[in-house]
N, C-alpha and C. Protein backbone atom coordinates (compact mmCIF):
# COMPACT_ATOMS: atom_id res chain seq x y z
N UNK A 1 -11.12 20.47 18.50
CA UNK A 1 -11.66 19.35 19.17
C UNK A 1 -12.08 18.20 17.74
N UNK A 2 -11.56 17.35 17.98
CA UNK A 2 -11.62 16.17 17.10
C UNK A 2 -13.42 15.73 16.61
N UNK A 3 -13.01 15.44 15.72
CA UNK A 3 -14.83 15.14 15.31
C UNK A 3 -14.93 13.90 15.06
N UNK A 4 -15.59 13.20 14.90
CA UNK A 4 -15.64 11.85 14.60
C UNK A 4 -15.15 11.00 13.68
N UNK A 5 -14.85 11.70 12.98
CA UNK A 5 -14.46 11.31 11.87
C UNK A 5 -12.99 11.24 11.62
N UNK A 6 -12.62 12.25 12.35
CA UNK A 6 -11.35 12.39 12.50
C UNK A 6 -10.87 11.13 13.80
N UNK A 7 -11.70 11.17 14.76
CA UNK A 7 -11.15 9.92 15.65
C UNK A 7 -10.98 8.69 15.24
N UNK A 8 -12.24 8.30 14.09
CA UNK A 8 -11.93 7.20 13.37
C UNK A 8 -11.16 7.04 12.02
N UNK A 9 -10.51 7.96 12.17
CA UNK A 9 -9.47 7.69 10.83
C UNK A 9 -8.23 7.40 11.86
N UNK A 10 -8.12 8.37 12.99
CA UNK A 10 -7.23 8.01 14.28
C UNK A 10 -7.09 6.55 14.77
N UNK A 11 -8.22 6.15 14.29
CA UNK A 11 -8.60 4.59 15.54
C UNK A 11 -8.22 3.72 14.49
N UNK A 12 -8.62 4.01 12.99
CA UNK A 12 -8.13 2.84 11.78
C UNK A 12 -6.05 2.48 11.56
N UNK A 13 -6.05 4.03 11.90
CA UNK A 13 -3.80 4.43 11.69
C UNK A 13 -3.44 3.93 12.84
N UNK A 14 -4.17 3.77 13.99
CA UNK A 14 -3.39 3.35 14.82
C UNK A 14 -3.47 1.90 15.13
N UNK A 15 -4.54 0.94 14.20
CA UNK A 15 -4.89 -0.19 13.62
C UNK A 15 -3.65 -0.83 12.89
N UNK A 16 -3.20 0.01 11.81
CA UNK A 16 -2.30 -0.29 10.92
C UNK A 16 -1.30 -0.02 11.36
N UNK A 17 -1.22 0.46 12.56
CA UNK A 17 0.92 0.98 12.56
C UNK A 17 1.16 -0.62 12.98
N UNK A 18 0.83 -1.39 13.59
CA UNK A 18 1.48 -2.75 13.79
C UNK A 18 2.09 -3.16 12.62
N UNK A 19 0.98 -3.32 11.76
CA UNK A 19 1.52 -4.55 10.22
C UNK A 19 3.16 -3.46 9.63
N UNK A 20 2.58 -1.51 9.30
CA UNK A 20 3.56 -1.20 8.81
C UNK A 20 4.79 -1.11 9.48
N UNK A 21 5.73 -1.22 10.80
CA UNK A 21 6.50 -0.90 10.73
C UNK A 21 7.25 -2.35 10.93
N UNK A 22 6.41 -3.16 10.43
CA UNK A 22 6.77 -4.90 10.33
C UNK A 22 7.59 -4.82 8.42
N UNK A 23 6.99 -4.07 8.41
CA UNK A 23 7.62 -3.75 6.88
C UNK A 23 9.59 -3.63 6.67
N UNK A 24 10.14 -4.44 5.71
CA UNK A 24 11.73 -3.83 5.40
C UNK A 24 11.73 -2.76 5.21
N UNK A 25 10.96 -1.89 4.51
CA UNK A 25 11.10 -0.85 3.99
C UNK A 25 10.90 0.45 5.06
N UNK A 26 11.42 1.22 5.34
CA UNK A 26 11.25 2.30 6.32
C UNK A 26 10.71 3.69 6.04
N UNK A 27 10.25 3.48 4.14
CA UNK A 27 9.70 5.08 3.61
C UNK A 27 8.60 4.32 2.56
N UNK A 28 7.36 4.82 2.92
CA UNK A 28 6.37 4.12 1.49
C UNK A 28 5.39 5.56 1.17
N UNK A 29 4.76 4.68 0.41
CA UNK A 29 3.52 6.05 -0.13
C UNK A 29 2.69 4.80 -0.45
N UNK A 30 1.71 5.36 0.23
CA UNK A 30 0.32 4.42 0.25
C UNK A 30 -0.60 5.35 -0.38
N UNK A 31 -1.29 4.97 -1.81
CA UNK A 31 -2.83 5.78 -2.37
C UNK A 31 -3.14 4.33 -2.73
N UNK A 32 -4.65 5.01 -2.49
CA UNK A 32 -5.96 4.06 -2.75
C UNK A 32 -6.64 4.85 -3.73
N UNK A 33 -7.00 3.86 -4.84
CA UNK A 33 -8.30 4.25 -5.39
C UNK A 33 -9.19 3.79 -5.26
N UNK A 34 -9.87 4.14 -4.71
CA UNK A 34 -11.47 3.69 -3.88
C UNK A 34 -12.56 3.45 -5.04
N UNK A 35 -12.59 4.46 -6.34
CA UNK A 35 -13.65 3.98 -7.34
C UNK A 35 -13.22 2.39 -8.15
N UNK A 36 -11.58 2.25 -8.32
CA UNK A 36 -11.09 1.17 -8.61
C UNK A 36 -10.88 -0.18 -7.61
N UNK A 37 -10.79 0.21 -6.70
CA UNK A 37 -10.71 -0.90 -5.50
C UNK A 37 -8.90 -1.38 -5.47
N UNK A 38 -8.15 -0.24 -5.74
CA UNK A 38 -6.97 -0.50 -6.41
C UNK A 38 -5.93 0.48 -4.84
N UNK A 39 -4.76 -0.52 -4.28
CA UNK A 39 -4.17 0.09 -3.21
C UNK A 39 -2.36 -0.18 -3.55
N UNK A 40 -2.15 1.30 -4.10
CA UNK A 40 -0.45 1.48 -4.07
C UNK A 40 0.23 1.63 -3.19
N UNK A 41 1.24 0.48 -3.35
CA UNK A 41 2.18 0.99 -1.97
C UNK A 41 3.51 0.67 -2.81
N UNK A 42 3.86 2.50 -2.36
CA UNK A 42 5.04 2.73 -3.37
C UNK A 42 6.30 2.80 -1.97
N UNK A 43 7.41 2.40 -2.92
CA UNK A 43 8.84 2.04 -1.64
C UNK A 43 9.76 3.13 -2.50
N UNK A 44 9.57 3.80 -3.81
CA UNK A 44 10.53 4.96 -4.07
C UNK A 44 9.62 5.60 -4.47
N UNK A 45 10.01 7.37 -4.98
CA UNK A 45 9.00 8.11 -4.92
C UNK A 45 9.94 8.91 -6.05
N UNK A 46 9.62 8.86 -7.43
CA UNK A 46 9.14 8.30 -8.34
C UNK A 46 9.29 6.40 -8.55
N UNK A 47 8.45 5.39 -8.81
CA UNK A 47 9.04 4.32 -8.53
C UNK A 47 9.58 3.63 -10.11
N UNK A 48 9.12 4.46 -11.09
CA UNK A 48 10.48 4.01 -12.39
C UNK A 48 10.15 2.84 -12.43
N UNK A 49 9.69 1.74 -12.37
CA UNK A 49 9.76 0.38 -12.36
C UNK A 49 9.83 -0.36 -13.67
N UNK A 50 10.72 -1.21 -13.66
CA UNK A 50 11.28 -1.38 -15.04
C UNK A 50 10.46 -3.01 -15.50
N UNK A 51 9.95 -3.33 -14.56
CA UNK A 51 9.61 -4.91 -14.53
C UNK A 51 8.16 -4.86 -13.69
N UNK A 52 7.70 -5.92 -13.98
CA UNK A 52 6.80 -6.29 -13.06
C UNK A 52 5.93 -8.32 -12.78
N UNK A 53 5.21 -8.71 -11.92
CA UNK A 53 5.07 -9.66 -12.23
C UNK A 53 4.06 -10.11 -11.07
N UNK A 54 3.31 -9.85 -11.41
CA UNK A 54 1.38 -10.77 -10.90
C UNK A 54 1.46 -12.12 -10.39
N UNK A 55 0.77 -12.21 -9.33
CA UNK A 55 0.96 -13.23 -8.08
C UNK A 55 -0.34 -13.94 -8.54
N UNK A 56 -0.67 -15.10 -8.37
CA UNK A 56 -1.99 -15.62 -8.43
C UNK A 56 -2.76 -14.83 -7.98
N UNK A 57 -3.06 -14.04 -6.74
CA UNK A 57 -3.75 -13.60 -5.58
C UNK A 57 -3.96 -12.33 -6.16
N UNK A 58 -3.99 -11.47 -7.11
CA UNK A 58 -4.47 -10.07 -7.58
C UNK A 58 -3.27 -9.52 -7.05
N UNK A 59 -2.13 -9.28 -6.76
CA UNK A 59 -1.27 -8.54 -6.51
C UNK A 59 -0.05 -8.34 -7.45
N UNK A 60 0.45 -7.25 -7.58
CA UNK A 60 1.24 -7.13 -8.78
C UNK A 60 2.65 -6.52 -7.86
N UNK A 61 3.71 -7.46 -8.26
CA UNK A 61 5.06 -6.48 -7.92
C UNK A 61 6.09 -5.66 -8.71
N UNK A 62 6.43 -4.31 -8.35
CA UNK A 62 6.92 -3.97 -8.83
C UNK A 62 8.29 -3.49 -8.83
N UNK A 63 9.04 -4.10 -9.95
CA UNK A 63 10.82 -3.95 -9.75
C UNK A 63 11.28 -2.61 -10.49
N UNK A 64 12.49 -1.92 -9.85
CA UNK A 64 13.23 -1.13 -10.79
C UNK A 64 14.76 -2.38 -10.92
N UNK A 65 15.07 -3.37 -12.04
CA UNK A 65 16.16 -4.14 -11.49
C UNK A 65 15.41 -5.60 -11.08
N UNK A 66 16.29 -5.91 -9.57
CA UNK A 66 16.33 -6.64 -8.55
C UNK A 66 15.51 -6.04 -7.57
N UNK A 67 15.17 -4.74 -7.19
CA UNK A 67 14.73 -4.05 -6.21
C UNK A 67 12.85 -3.76 -6.90
N UNK A 68 12.56 -4.42 -5.18
CA UNK A 68 10.90 -4.37 -5.31
C UNK A 68 10.48 -2.72 -4.76
N UNK A 69 9.95 -1.65 -6.15
CA UNK A 69 9.19 -0.67 -5.36
C UNK A 69 8.44 -0.24 -5.55
N UNK A 70 7.60 -1.41 -5.55
CA UNK A 70 6.01 -1.27 -4.97
C UNK A 70 5.19 -2.24 -5.07
N UNK A 71 4.08 -2.43 -4.58
CA UNK A 71 3.27 -3.66 -4.47
C UNK A 71 1.70 -2.74 -5.29
N UNK A 72 1.21 -3.39 -6.22
CA UNK A 72 0.10 -2.94 -5.95
C UNK A 72 -1.16 -3.60 -6.03
N UNK A 73 -2.30 -3.92 -5.21
CA UNK A 73 -3.24 -5.08 -4.41
C UNK A 73 -4.64 -4.62 -5.51
N UNK A 74 -4.82 -5.33 -6.21
CA UNK A 74 -6.66 -5.23 -6.36
C UNK A 74 -7.34 -5.66 -6.10
N UNK A 75 -8.66 -5.58 -6.20
CA UNK A 75 -9.78 -5.55 -4.85
C UNK A 75 -9.15 -5.47 -3.68
N UNK A 76 -8.52 -4.24 -3.25
CA UNK A 76 -7.94 -4.08 -2.04
C UNK A 76 -9.08 -4.16 -0.64
N UNK A 77 -10.52 -3.72 -0.78
CA UNK A 77 -11.48 -4.12 0.01
C UNK A 77 -12.18 -5.24 0.67
N UNK A 78 -11.29 -6.01 -0.34
CA UNK A 78 -12.21 -7.65 -0.03
C UNK A 78 -11.40 -8.05 0.99
N UNK A 79 -9.79 -7.80 1.23
CA UNK A 79 -8.86 -8.23 2.09
C UNK A 79 -8.64 -8.01 3.47
N UNK A 80 -8.23 -8.89 3.95
CA UNK A 80 -7.76 -8.56 5.72
C UNK A 80 -9.28 -8.21 6.04
């Protein structure tokens, strides 16, 4: 029997589906550091980024050569 917490988790995951399936990558790993309020999205595991680019809005793009291997979102809870 699903608890209220499980039902809420499933509901939130379902809301994210339409956004996730629009991503050009088919595999990704998502980690959220609640204390730091930072969301990490990796397209390679391990990503081993060799370069990064900080965008104006607090989003860090991580590259290995010319390939985007990850996105770091600062102050993630304040978005969307």
